[in-house]
Amino acid sequence: MDTHDTSRPHVVLAGDPAGAAARFVAAMNTHDPAALDHVYEDDAVLVPVPGHPVAGAGLLAANEHLRSFGLPIEACPRHVYVAGDIALLIVDWSMRGTARDGSQIDLSGTATDVVRCGPDGRWRYVIDNPHGTASPPLSP
């Protein structure tokens, strides 16, 4: 008798895809660019401003801008949907407090992120979209 239920999606290949968000938070809060680089795939995309994706050096610069505030980031996965080695994460996040320059920072959102499980069993960001479904600014 075949006990494999094909009516339900495969749950998890290896590790916990929600752990990618925890590793991102830990890397951001260490203020170590090398640590942060390890949570992304080599060709990952970050959308720091709705409608304007960046990769490579632009991705690193956008994350460095956030880290420059000197504030911890918090994140809590709300939903995790897995299909094979790909997962969609819906993550509530926030960064609040007084920045190094004395300005008050109050950033938060609900991210829609895509992570992939690598051969080593670690889930890494392929698409990091911190603003989720926020609309891009309207053109004049």
Protein backbone atom coordinates (compact mmCIF):
# COMPACT_ATOMS: atom_id res chain seq x y z
CA MET A 1 0.00 0.00 0.00
CA ASP A 2 1.33 3.45 -0.97
CA THR A 3 1.15 5.77 2.05
CA HIS A 4 2.49 8.83 0.20
CA ASP A 5 -0.26 11.46 0.20
CA THR A 6 0.12 13.56 -2.97
CA SER A 7 -2.83 15.79 -2.10
CA ARG A 8 -0.70 17.77 0.37
CA PRO A 9 2.42 19.75 -0.52
CA HIS A 10 5.81 18.52 0.63
CA VAL A 11 6.40 20.13 4.02
CA VAL A 12 10.15 20.61 4.48
CA LEU A 13 13.20 19.16 2.74
CA ALA A 14 15.73 19.96 5.43
CA GLY A 15 16.01 22.38 8.30
CA ASP A 16 13.37 24.99 9.00
CA PRO A 17 12.70 27.65 6.34
CA ALA A 18 11.39 30.04 9.03
CA GLY A 19 14.90 29.88 10.50
CA ALA A 20 16.10 32.02 7.59
CA ALA A 21 14.36 35.02 9.18
CA ALA A 22 16.03 34.34 12.54
CA ARG A 23 19.44 34.05 10.84
CA PHE A 24 18.79 37.34 8.99
CA VAL A 25 17.94 39.10 12.28
CA ALA A 26 21.03 37.67 13.99
CA ALA A 27 23.26 38.73 11.09
CA MET A 28 21.77 42.25 10.94
CA ASN A 29 22.12 42.70 14.68
CA THR A 30 25.79 41.62 14.72
CA HIS A 31 26.61 44.50 12.35
CA ASP A 32 28.91 42.11 10.43
CA PRO A 33 28.50 42.46 6.64
CA ALA A 34 30.07 39.04 6.06
CA ALA A 35 27.52 37.37 8.35
CA LEU A 36 24.69 39.08 6.52
CA ASP A 37 26.07 38.03 3.15
CA HIS A 38 25.70 34.36 4.16
CA VAL A 39 21.92 34.58 4.54
CA TYR A 40 21.51 35.39 0.83
CA GLU A 41 22.08 33.33 -2.30
CA ASP A 42 24.74 34.80 -4.60
CA ASP A 43 22.19 36.19 -7.08
CA ALA A 44 19.59 37.27 -4.50
CA VAL A 45 17.39 40.33 -4.97
CA LEU A 46 16.38 42.86 -2.30
CA VAL A 47 13.53 45.34 -2.79
CA PRO A 48 14.49 48.21 -0.40
CA VAL A 49 11.97 50.55 -2.05
CA PRO A 50 8.77 49.11 -3.53
CA GLY A 51 9.20 48.61 -7.27
CA HIS A 52 13.00 49.05 -7.20
CA PRO A 53 14.85 45.72 -6.75
CA VAL A 54 18.62 45.67 -6.24
CA ALA A 55 21.21 42.90 -6.25
CA GLY A 56 24.92 42.50 -5.58
CA ALA A 57 26.52 45.70 -4.29
CA GLY A 58 23.12 47.44 -4.19
CA LEU A 59 21.75 44.76 -1.87
CA LEU A 60 24.72 45.11 0.46
CA ALA A 61 24.47 48.92 0.43
CA ALA A 62 20.75 48.87 1.26
CA ASN A 63 21.30 46.56 4.23
CA GLU A 64 24.28 48.64 5.36
CA HIS A 65 22.03 51.72 5.36
CA LEU A 66 19.66 49.96 7.79
CA ARG A 67 22.54 48.76 9.97
CA SER A 68 23.96 52.30 10.10
CA PHE A 69 21.08 53.29 12.41
CA GLY A 70 22.65 51.10 15.09
CA LEU A 71 19.28 49.66 16.10
CA PRO A 72 18.27 46.03 16.44
CA ILE A 73 15.79 44.60 13.97
CA GLU A 74 13.08 42.19 15.09
CA ALA A 75 11.23 39.73 12.86
CA CYS A 76 8.54 37.14 13.41
CA PRO A 77 7.42 34.77 10.64
CA ARG A 78 3.63 34.86 10.30
CA HIS A 79 3.27 32.22 7.54
CA VAL A 80 5.66 29.77 5.90
CA TYR A 81 4.61 27.97 2.72
CA VAL A 82 6.94 25.29 1.36
CA ALA A 83 7.04 23.65 -2.06
CA GLY A 84 10.04 21.36 -2.39
CA ASP A 85 13.19 23.40 -1.88
CA ILE A 86 11.43 26.80 -2.18
CA ALA A 87 9.51 28.59 0.58
CA LEU A 88 7.48 31.78 0.77
CA LEU A 89 7.86 33.59 4.10
CA ILE A 90 5.42 36.22 5.33
CA VAL A 91 7.34 38.01 8.07
CA ASP A 92 6.36 40.88 10.37
CA TRP A 93 9.42 43.01 11.17
CA SER A 94 10.28 46.24 12.98
CA MET A 95 13.19 48.53 13.78
CA ARG A 96 12.49 51.23 16.35
CA GLY A 97 14.45 53.55 18.59
CA THR A 98 16.94 56.40 18.57
CA ALA A 99 19.51 56.09 15.80
CA ARG A 100 23.20 56.90 16.24
CA ASP A 101 22.60 60.37 14.79
CA GLY A 102 19.86 61.08 17.37
CA SER A 103 16.95 60.74 14.96
CA GLN A 104 13.91 58.68 15.90
CA ILE A 105 13.44 55.58 13.73
CA ASP A 106 10.12 53.77 13.46
CA LEU A 107 10.26 51.27 10.60
CA SER A 108 8.07 48.21 10.27
CA GLY A 109 6.32 46.10 7.70
CA THR A 110 5.24 42.70 6.57
CA ALA A 111 7.76 41.14 4.23
CA THR A 112 7.05 38.65 1.48
CA ASP A 113 10.29 36.73 1.08
CA VAL A 114 11.37 33.74 -0.98
CA VAL A 115 14.01 31.37 0.39
CA ARG A 116 15.58 28.25 -1.09
CA CYS A 117 17.12 25.26 0.63
CA GLY A 118 20.68 24.69 -0.55
CA PRO A 119 22.59 21.41 -0.77
CA ASP A 120 23.89 22.08 2.76
CA GLY A 121 20.34 22.12 4.17
CA ARG A 122 20.39 25.87 4.88
CA TRP A 123 17.61 28.13 3.69
CA ARG A 124 18.87 31.35 2.06
CA TYR A 125 17.06 34.39 0.72
CA VAL A 126 16.47 34.50 -3.02
CA ILE A 127 14.08 37.47 -2.86
CA ASP A 128 13.97 39.79 0.17
CA ASN A 129 10.94 42.07 -0.13
CA PRO A 130 10.57 43.86 3.23
CA HIS A 131 7.63 45.97 2.10
CA GLY A 132 5.56 43.01 0.96
CA THR A 133 2.61 44.12 -1.11
CA ALA A 134 3.16 47.85 -0.63
CA SER A 135 2.54 49.68 -3.88
CA PRO A 136 5.38 51.51 -5.62
CA PRO A 137 5.16 55.30 -5.67
CA LEU A 138 2.91 56.64 -8.42
CA SER A 139 4.63 58.30 -11.35
CA PRO A 140 3.72 61.94 -12.02
